Amino acid sequence: KLLQGDVPKPITGLKTLRDGTCTGTLLGGNLSTIVRM
């Protein structure tokens, strides 16, 4: 569905460690790899 241009369903049920709301570009992956960059 992602490859076909559909927007996936929201991911719910995440545990909040700090409240807030933010809209931005989603990036990420493996933490140690990111830090090596």
PDB file of all heavy atoms in Angstrom:
ATOM      1  N   LYS A   1       0.817  -1.208   0.000  1.00  0.00           N
ATOM      2  CA  LYS A   1       0.000   0.000   0.000  1.00  0.00           C
ATOM      3  C   LYS A   1       0.858   1.267   0.000  1.00  0.00           C
ATOM      4  O   LYS A   1       0.520   2.260  -0.667  1.00  0.00           O
ATOM      5  CB  LYS A   1      -0.946  -0.003   1.198  1.00  0.00           C
ATOM      6  CG  LYS A   1      -2.071  -1.032   1.093  1.00  0.00           C
ATOM      7  CD  LYS A   1      -2.957  -0.748  -0.113  1.00  0.00           C
ATOM      8  CE  LYS A   1      -4.129  -1.699  -0.195  1.00  0.00           C
ATOM      9  NZ  LYS A   1      -4.989  -1.428  -1.394  1.00  0.00           N
ATOM     10  N   LEU A   2       1.951   1.246   0.744  1.00  0.00           N
ATOM     11  CA  LEU A   2       2.848   2.403   0.737  1.00  0.00           C
ATOM     12  C   LEU A   2       3.419   2.634  -0.655  1.00  0.00           C
ATOM     13  O   LEU A   2       3.490   3.769  -1.140  1.00  0.00           O
ATOM     14  CB  LEU A   2       3.983   2.190   1.742  1.00  0.00           C
ATOM     15  CG  LEU A   2       3.659   2.408   3.217  1.00  0.00           C
ATOM     16  CD1 LEU A   2       4.820   1.942   4.091  1.00  0.00           C
ATOM     17  CD2 LEU A   2       3.354   3.878   3.501  1.00  0.00           C
ATOM     18  N   LEU A   3       3.841   1.550  -1.316  1.00  0.00           N
ATOM     19  CA  LEU A   3       4.410   1.662  -2.660  1.00  0.00           C
ATOM     20  C   LEU A   3       3.368   2.122  -3.679  1.00  0.00           C
ATOM     21  O   LEU A   3       3.712   2.729  -4.695  1.00  0.00           O
ATOM     22  CB  LEU A   3       5.000   0.320  -3.086  1.00  0.00           C
ATOM     23  CG  LEU A   3       6.280  -0.110  -2.357  1.00  0.00           C
ATOM     24  CD1 LEU A   3       6.629  -1.551  -2.704  1.00  0.00           C
ATOM     25  CD2 LEU A   3       7.435   0.815  -2.698  1.00  0.00           C
ATOM     26  N   GLN A   4       2.107   1.853  -3.387  1.00  0.00           N
ATOM     27  CA  GLN A   4       1.034   2.232  -4.308  1.00  0.00           C
ATOM     28  C   GLN A   4       0.468   3.616  -4.012  1.00  0.00           C
ATOM     29  O   GLN A   4      -0.443   4.066  -4.698  1.00  0.00           O
ATOM     30  CB  GLN A   4      -0.079   1.186  -4.257  1.00  0.00           C
ATOM     31  CG  GLN A   4       0.330  -0.157  -4.858  1.00  0.00           C
ATOM     32  CD  GLN A   4      -0.752  -1.213  -4.772  1.00  0.00           C
ATOM     33  OE1 GLN A   4      -1.678  -1.099  -3.964  1.00  0.00           O
ATOM     34  NE2 GLN A   4      -0.655  -2.233  -5.590  1.00  0.00           N
ATOM     35  N   GLY A   5       1.010   4.282  -3.013  1.00  0.00           N
ATOM     36  CA  GLY A   5       0.591   5.657  -2.749  1.00  0.00           C
ATOM     37  C   GLY A   5      -0.526   5.813  -1.742  1.00  0.00           C
ATOM     38  O   GLY A   5      -1.103   6.901  -1.613  1.00  0.00           O
ATOM     39  N   ASP A   6      -0.841   4.765  -1.007  1.00  0.00           N
ATOM     40  CA  ASP A   6      -1.873   4.858   0.027  1.00  0.00           C
ATOM     41  C   ASP A   6      -1.255   5.318   1.348  1.00  0.00           C
ATOM     42  O   ASP A   6      -0.088   5.023   1.638  1.00  0.00           O
ATOM     43  CB  ASP A   6      -2.561   3.514   0.234  1.00  0.00           C
ATOM     44  CG  ASP A   6      -3.387   3.088  -0.979  1.00  0.00           C
ATOM     45  OD1 ASP A   6      -3.699   3.972  -1.819  1.00  0.00           O
ATOM     46  OD2 ASP A   6      -3.704   1.895  -1.105  1.00  0.00           O
ATOM     47  N   VAL A   7      -2.047   6.001   2.147  1.00  0.00           N
ATOM     48  CA  VAL A   7      -1.602   6.447   3.472  1.00  0.00           C
ATOM     49  C   VAL A   7      -2.001   5.392   4.494  1.00  0.00           C
ATOM     50  O   VAL A   7      -3.171   5.010   4.572  1.00  0.00           O
ATOM     51  CB  VAL A   7      -2.231   7.806   3.831  1.00  0.00           C
ATOM     52  CG1 VAL A   7      -1.852   8.212   5.257  1.00  0.00           C
ATOM     53  CG2 VAL A   7      -1.783   8.879   2.843  1.00  0.00           C
ATOM     54  N   PRO A   8      -1.053   4.884   5.270  1.00  0.00           N
ATOM     55  CA  PRO A   8      -1.373   3.822   6.231  1.00  0.00           C
ATOM     56  C   PRO A   8      -2.213   4.329   7.395  1.00  0.00           C
ATOM     57  O   PRO A   8      -2.295   5.531   7.659  1.00  0.00           O
ATOM     58  CB  PRO A   8       0.012   3.355   6.709  1.00  0.00           C
ATOM     59  CG  PRO A   8       0.879   4.551   6.533  1.00  0.00           C
ATOM     60  CD  PRO A   8       0.371   5.248   5.298  1.00  0.00           C
ATOM     61  N   LYS A   9      -2.803   3.396   8.111  1.00  0.00           N
ATOM     62  CA  LYS A   9      -3.591   3.737   9.288  1.00  0.00           C
ATOM     63  C   LYS A   9      -2.678   4.276  10.390  1.00  0.00           C
ATOM     64  O   LYS A   9      -1.503   3.903  10.475  1.00  0.00           O
ATOM     65  CB  LYS A   9      -4.338   2.503   9.802  1.00  0.00           C
ATOM     66  CG  LYS A   9      -5.387   1.965   8.846  1.00  0.00           C
ATOM     67  CD  LYS A   9      -6.049   0.735   9.440  1.00  0.00           C
ATOM     68  CE  LYS A   9      -7.107   0.168   8.492  1.00  0.00           C
ATOM     69  NZ  LYS A   9      -7.749  -1.046   9.061  1.00  0.00           N
ATOM     70  N   PRO A  10      -3.209   5.140  11.236  1.00  0.00           N
ATOM     71  CA  PRO A  10      -2.407   5.649  12.360  1.00  0.00           C
ATOM     72  C   PRO A  10      -1.952   4.512  13.275  1.00  0.00           C
ATOM     73  O   PRO A  10      -2.641   3.502  13.423  1.00  0.00           O
ATOM     74  CB  PRO A  10      -3.374   6.593  13.091  1.00  0.00           C
ATOM     75  CG  PRO A  10      -4.395   6.969  12.067  1.00  0.00           C
ATOM     76  CD  PRO A  10      -4.550   5.767  11.184  1.00  0.00           C
ATOM     77  N   ILE A  11      -0.786   4.696  13.865  1.00  0.00           N
ATOM     78  CA  ILE A  11      -0.293   3.756  14.874  1.00  0.00           C
ATOM     79  C   ILE A  11      -0.710   4.291  16.233  1.00  0.00           C
ATOM     80  O   ILE A  11      -0.311   5.383  16.643  1.00  0.00           O
ATOM     81  CB  ILE A  11       1.241   3.624  14.796  1.00  0.00           C
ATOM     82  CG1 ILE A  11       1.647   3.046  13.435  1.00  0.00           C
ATOM     83  CG2 ILE A  11       1.758   2.744  15.923  1.00  0.00           C
ATOM     84  CD1 ILE A  11       3.142   2.985  13.226  1.00  0.00           C
ATOM     85  N   THR A  12      -1.542   3.539  16.916  1.00  0.00           N
ATOM     86  CA  THR A  12      -2.103   3.986  18.186  1.00  0.00           C
ATOM     87  C   THR A  12      -1.546   3.154  19.338  1.00  0.00           C
ATOM     88  O   THR A  12      -0.819   2.181  19.138  1.00  0.00           O
ATOM     89  CB  THR A  12      -3.633   3.879  18.151  1.00  0.00           C
ATOM     90  OG1 THR A  12      -4.001   2.510  17.907  1.00  0.00           O
ATOM     91  CG2 THR A  12      -4.216   4.752  17.045  1.00  0.00           C
ATOM     92  N   GLY A  13      -1.906   3.540  20.546  1.00  0.00           N
ATOM     93  CA  GLY A  13      -1.529   2.776  21.722  1.00  0.00           C
ATOM     94  C   GLY A  13      -0.086   2.934  22.164  1.00  0.00           C
ATOM     95  O   GLY A  13       0.421   2.120  22.949  1.00  0.00           O
ATOM     96  N   LEU A  14       0.593   3.974  21.685  1.00  0.00           N
ATOM     97  CA  LEU A  14       1.963   4.223  22.118  1.00  0.00           C
ATOM     98  C   LEU A  14       1.959   4.782  23.542  1.00  0.00           C
ATOM     99  O   LEU A  14       1.024   5.472  23.953  1.00  0.00           O
ATOM    100  CB  LEU A  14       2.642   5.207  21.164  1.00  0.00           C
ATOM    101  CG  LEU A  14       2.696   4.772  19.688  1.00  0.00           C
ATOM    102  CD1 LEU A  14       3.252   5.895  18.823  1.00  0.00           C
ATOM    103  CD2 LEU A  14       3.520   3.512  19.525  1.00  0.00           C
ATOM    104  N   LYS A  15       3.001   4.492  24.298  1.00  0.00           N
ATOM    105  CA  LYS A  15       3.083   4.963  25.672  1.00  0.00           C
ATOM    106  C   LYS A  15       3.753   6.331  25.719  1.00  0.00           C
ATOM    107  O   LYS A  15       4.843   6.525  25.180  1.00  0.00           O
ATOM    108  CB  LYS A  15       3.875   3.979  26.530  1.00  0.00           C
ATOM    109  CG  LYS A  15       3.968   4.400  27.990  1.00  0.00           C
ATOM    110  CD  LYS A  15       4.716   3.378  28.829  1.00  0.00           C
ATOM    111  CE  LYS A  15       4.796   3.822  30.289  1.00  0.00           C
ATOM    112  NZ  LYS A  15       5.518   2.827  31.116  1.00  0.00           N
ATOM    113  N   THR A  16       3.097   7.271  26.342  1.00  0.00           N
ATOM    114  CA  THR A  16       3.624   8.631  26.428  1.00  0.00           C
ATOM    115  C   THR A  16       4.652   8.746  27.551  1.00  0.00           C
ATOM    116  O   THR A  16       4.363   8.437  28.701  1.00  0.00           O
ATOM    117  CB  THR A  16       2.482   9.639  26.664  1.00  0.00           C
ATOM    118  OG1 THR A  16       1.599   9.631  25.533  1.00  0.00           O
ATOM    119  CG2 THR A  16       3.033  11.047  26.866  1.00  0.00           C
ATOM    120  N   LEU A  17       5.841   9.188  27.186  1.00  0.00           N
ATOM    121  CA  LEU A  17       6.878   9.492  28.169  1.00  0.00           C
ATOM    122  C   LEU A  17       6.943  10.990  28.444  1.00  0.00           C
ATOM    123  O   LEU A  17       7.375  11.408  29.511  1.00  0.00           O
ATOM    124  CB  LEU A  17       8.242   8.989  27.684  1.00  0.00           C
ATOM    125  CG  LEU A  17       8.374   7.484  27.423  1.00  0.00           C
ATOM    126  CD1 LEU A  17       9.800   7.140  27.020  1.00  0.00           C
ATOM    127  CD2 LEU A  17       7.949   6.682  28.637  1.00  0.00           C
ATOM    128  N   ARG A  18       6.542  11.806  27.450  1.00  0.00           N
ATOM    129  CA  ARG A  18       6.396  13.244  27.658  1.00  0.00           C
ATOM    130  C   ARG A  18       5.306  13.759  26.732  1.00  0.00           C
ATOM    131  O   ARG A  18       5.310  13.473  25.535  1.00  0.00           O
ATOM    132  CB  ARG A  18       7.715  13.981  27.405  1.00  0.00           C
ATOM    133  CG  ARG A  18       7.608  15.464  27.709  1.00  0.00           C
ATOM    134  CD  ARG A  18       8.950  16.159  27.885  1.00  0.00           C
ATOM    135  NE  ARG A  18       9.804  16.018  26.733  1.00  0.00           N
ATOM    136  CZ  ARG A  18      10.976  15.385  26.736  1.00  0.00           C
ATOM    137  NH1 ARG A  18      11.413  14.812  27.841  1.00  0.00           N
ATOM    138  NH2 ARG A  18      11.704  15.313  25.660  1.00  0.00           N
ATOM    139  N   ASP A  19       4.365  14.512  27.279  1.00  0.00           N
ATOM    140  CA  ASP A  19       3.232  15.025  26.514  1.00  0.00           C
ATOM    141  C   ASP A  19       3.678  16.006  25.437  1.00  0.00           C
ATOM    142  O   ASP A  19       4.730  16.655  25.549  1.00  0.00           O
ATOM    143  CB  ASP A  19       2.247  15.742  27.442  1.00  0.00           C
ATOM    144  CG  ASP A  19       1.523  14.777  28.367  1.00  0.00           C
ATOM    145  OD1 ASP A  19       1.795  13.567  28.288  1.00  0.00           O
ATOM    146  OD2 ASP A  19       0.690  15.253  29.160  1.00  0.00           O
ATOM    147  N   GLY A  20       2.833  16.124  24.424  1.00  0.00           N
ATOM    148  CA  GLY A  20       3.076  17.116  23.394  1.00  0.00           C
ATOM    149  C   GLY A  20       2.526  16.692  22.055  1.00  0.00           C
ATOM    150  O   GLY A  20       2.082  15.552  21.881  1.00  0.00           O
ATOM    151  N   THR A  21       2.557  17.625  21.116  1.00  0.00           N
ATOM    152  CA  THR A  21       2.098  17.360  19.757  1.00  0.00           C
ATOM    153  C   THR A  21       3.074  17.998  18.779  1.00  0.00           C
ATOM    154  O   THR A  21       3.541  19.119  19.015  1.00  0.00           O
ATOM    155  CB  THR A  21       0.691  17.935  19.512  1.00  0.00           C
ATOM    156  OG1 THR A  21      -0.223  17.346  20.448  1.00  0.00           O
ATOM    157  CG2 THR A  21       0.219  17.635  18.096  1.00  0.00           C
ATOM    158  N   CYS A  22       3.395  17.285  17.723  1.00  0.00           N
ATOM    159  CA  CYS A  22       4.311  17.836  16.716  1.00  0.00           C
ATOM    160  C   CYS A  22       3.983  17.261  15.346  1.00  0.00           C
ATOM    161  O   CYS A  22       3.696  16.060  15.211  1.00  0.00           O
ATOM    162  CB  CYS A  22       5.758  17.515  17.066  1.00  0.00           C
ATOM    163  SG  CYS A  22       6.946  18.134  15.839  1.00  0.00           S
ATOM    164  N   THR A  23       4.020  18.107  14.346  1.00  0.00           N
ATOM    165  CA  THR A  23       3.903  17.689  12.951  1.00  0.00           C
ATOM    166  C   THR A  23       5.222  17.985  12.261  1.00  0.00           C
ATOM    167  O   THR A  23       5.737  19.109  12.331  1.00  0.00           O
ATOM    168  CB  THR A  23       2.765  18.437  12.235  1.00  0.00           C
ATOM    169  OG1 THR A  23       1.524  18.136  12.880  1.00  0.00           O
ATOM    170  CG2 THR A  23       2.684  18.025  10.767  1.00  0.00           C
ATOM    171  N   GLY A  24       5.793  16.969  11.633  1.00  0.00           N
ATOM    172  CA  GLY A  24       7.085  17.147  10.973  1.00  0.00           C
ATOM    173  C   GLY A  24       7.413  15.961  10.091  1.00  0.00           C
ATOM    174  O   GLY A  24       6.640  14.997  10.007  1.00  0.00           O
ATOM    175  N   THR A  25       8.545  16.014   9.456  1.00  0.00           N
ATOM    176  CA  THR A  25       8.983  14.913   8.596  1.00  0.00           C
ATOM    177  C   THR A  25       9.433  13.742   9.448  1.00  0.00           C
ATOM    178  O   THR A  25      10.173  13.904  10.415  1.00  0.00           O
ATOM    179  CB  THR A  25      10.140  15.370   7.691  1.00  0.00           C
ATOM    180  OG1 THR A  25       9.715  16.491   6.915  1.00  0.00           O
ATOM    181  CG2 THR A  25      10.566  14.249   6.753  1.00  0.00           C
ATOM    182  N   LEU A  26       8.977  12.543   9.067  1.00  0.00           N
ATOM    183  CA  LEU A  26       9.313  11.330   9.803  1.00  0.00           C
ATOM    184  C   LEU A  26      10.598  10.729   9.257  1.00  0.00           C
ATOM    185  O   LEU A  26      10.698  10.388   8.076  1.00  0.00           O
ATOM    186  CB  LEU A  26       8.167  10.321   9.676  1.00  0.00           C
ATOM    187  CG  LEU A  26       8.297   9.018  10.470  1.00  0.00           C
ATOM    188  CD1 LEU A  26       8.279   9.297  11.969  1.00  0.00           C
ATOM    189  CD2 LEU A  26       7.165   8.057  10.093  1.00  0.00           C
ATOM    190  N   LEU A  27      11.593  10.616  10.131  1.00  0.00           N
ATOM    191  CA  LEU A  27      12.880  10.025   9.781  1.00  0.00           C
ATOM    192  C   LEU A  27      13.291   9.076  10.898  1.00  0.00           C
ATOM    193  O   LEU A  27      12.809   9.177  12.013  1.00  0.00           O
ATOM    194  CB  LEU A  27      13.954  11.105   9.611  1.00  0.00           C
ATOM    195  CG  LEU A  27      13.767  12.136   8.508  1.00  0.00           C
ATOM    196  CD1 LEU A  27      14.858  13.212   8.594  1.00  0.00           C
ATOM    197  CD2 LEU A  27      13.796  11.487   7.131  1.00  0.00           C
ATOM    198  N   GLY A  28      14.222   8.167  10.581  1.00  0.00           N
ATOM    199  CA  GLY A  28      14.709   7.324  11.658  1.00  0.00           C
ATOM    200  C   GLY A  28      15.262   6.000  11.199  1.00  0.00           C
ATOM    201  O   GLY A  28      15.561   5.796  10.020  1.00  0.00           O
ATOM    202  N   GLY A  29      15.390   5.110  12.176  1.00  0.00           N
ATOM    203  CA  GLY A  29      15.959   3.801  11.922  1.00  0.00           C
ATOM    204  C   GLY A  29      16.807   3.355  13.104  1.00  0.00           C
ATOM    205  O   GLY A  29      16.454   3.590  14.263  1.00  0.00           O
ATOM    206  N   ASN A  30      17.924   2.744  12.806  1.00  0.00           N
ATOM    207  CA  ASN A  30      18.806   2.184  13.819  1.00  0.00           C
ATOM    208  C   ASN A  30      19.602   3.292  14.514  1.00  0.00           C
ATOM    209  O   ASN A  30      20.318   4.057  13.867  1.00  0.00           O
ATOM    210  CB  ASN A  30      19.746   1.171  13.165  1.00  0.00           C
ATOM    211  CG  ASN A  30      20.671   0.524  14.146  1.00  0.00           C
ATOM    212  OD1 ASN A  30      21.835   0.882  14.236  1.00  0.00           O
ATOM    213  ND2 ASN A  30      20.170  -0.429  14.912  1.00  0.00           N
ATOM    214  N   LEU A  31      19.487   3.377  15.845  1.00  0.00           N
ATOM    215  CA  LEU A  31      20.080   4.487  16.585  1.00  0.00           C
ATOM    216  C   LEU A  31      21.597   4.535  16.458  1.00  0.00           C
ATOM    217  O   LEU A  31      22.171   5.600  16.194  1.00  0.00           O
ATOM    218  CB  LEU A  31      19.690   4.396  18.064  1.00  0.00           C
ATOM    219  CG  LEU A  31      20.331   5.441  18.983  1.00  0.00           C
ATOM    220  CD1 LEU A  31      19.961   6.850  18.564  1.00  0.00           C
ATOM    221  CD2 LEU A  31      19.943   5.182  20.435  1.00  0.00           C
ATOM    222  N   SER A  32      22.282   3.410  16.649  1.00  0.00           N
ATOM    223  CA  SER A  32      23.742   3.441  16.594  1.00  0.00           C
ATOM    224  C   SER A  32      24.240   3.824  15.206  1.00  0.00           C
ATOM    225  O   SER A  32      25.266   4.503  15.068  1.00  0.00           O
ATOM    226  CB  SER A  32      24.325   2.093  17.028  1.00  0.00           C
ATOM    227  OG  SER A  32      23.821   1.038  16.247  1.00  0.00           O
ATOM    228  N   THR A  33      23.505   3.431  14.167  1.00  0.00           N
ATOM    229  CA  THR A  33      23.876   3.830  12.803  1.00  0.00           C
ATOM    230  C   THR A  33      23.702   5.326  12.619  1.00  0.00           C
ATOM    231  O   THR A  33      24.556   5.996  12.020  1.00  0.00           O
ATOM    232  CB  THR A  33      23.034   3.062  11.776  1.00  0.00           C
ATOM    233  OG1 THR A  33      23.262   1.661  11.918  1.00  0.00           O
ATOM    234  CG2 THR A  33      23.390   3.489  10.351  1.00  0.00           C
ATOM    235  N   ILE A  34      22.613   5.869  13.124  1.00  0.00           N
ATOM    236  CA  ILE A  34      22.367   7.308  13.029  1.00  0.00           C
ATOM    237  C   ILE A  34      23.482   8.081  13.720  1.00  0.00           C
ATOM    238  O   ILE A  34      24.020   9.061  13.180  1.00  0.00           O
ATOM    239  CB  ILE A  34      20.999   7.663  13.645  1.00  0.00           C
ATOM    240  CG1 ILE A  34      19.868   7.082  12.784  1.00  0.00           C
ATOM    241  CG2 ILE A  34      20.827   9.174  13.775  1.00  0.00           C
ATOM    242  CD1 ILE A  34      18.495   7.175  13.422  1.00  0.00           C
ATOM    243  N   VAL A  35      23.874   7.640  14.912  1.00  0.00           N
ATOM    244  CA  VAL A  35      24.908   8.357  15.667  1.00  0.00           C
ATOM    245  C   VAL A  35      26.256   8.274  14.961  1.00  0.00           C
ATOM    246  O   VAL A  35      27.054   9.217  15.018  1.00  0.00           O
ATOM    247  CB  VAL A  35      24.990   7.813  17.106  1.00  0.00           C
ATOM    248  CG1 VAL A  35      26.163   8.433  17.856  1.00  0.00           C
ATOM    249  CG2 VAL A  35      23.692   8.102  17.853  1.00  0.00           C
ATOM    250  N   ARG A  36      26.524   7.166  14.272  1.00  0.00           N
ATOM    251  CA  ARG A  36      27.776   7.063  13.511  1.00  0.00           C
ATOM    252  C   ARG A  36      27.835   8.070  12.362  1.00  0.00           C
ATOM    253  O   ARG A  36      28.909   8.337  11.827  1.00  0.00           O
ATOM    254  CB  ARG A  36      27.951   5.644  12.971  1.00  0.00           C
ATOM    255  CG  ARG A  36      28.233   4.606  14.040  1.00  0.00           C
ATOM    256  CD  ARG A  36      28.505   3.247  13.437  1.00  0.00           C
ATOM    257  NE  ARG A  36      28.666   2.226  14.464  1.00  0.00           N
ATOM    258  CZ  ARG A  36      27.821   1.224  14.673  1.00  0.00           C
ATOM    259  NH1 ARG A  36      26.761   1.099  13.891  1.00  0.00           N
ATOM    260  NH2 ARG A  36      28.020   0.345  15.627  1.00  0.00           N
ATOM    261  N   MET A  37      26.683   8.620  11.973  1.00  0.00           N
ATOM    262  CA  MET A  37      26.637   9.608  10.897  1.00  0.00           C
ATOM    263  C   MET A  37      26.775  11.036  11.409  1.00  0.00           C
ATOM    264  O   MET A  37      26.906  11.970  10.617  1.00  0.00           O
ATOM    265  CB  MET A  37      25.317   9.459  10.121  1.00  0.00           C
ATOM    266  CG  MET A  37      25.129   8.098   9.475  1.00  0.00           C
ATOM    267  SD  MET A  37      23.491   7.889   8.728  1.00  0.00           S
ATOM    268  CE  MET A  37      23.634   8.955   7.285  1.00  0.00           C
TER     269      MET A  37
END
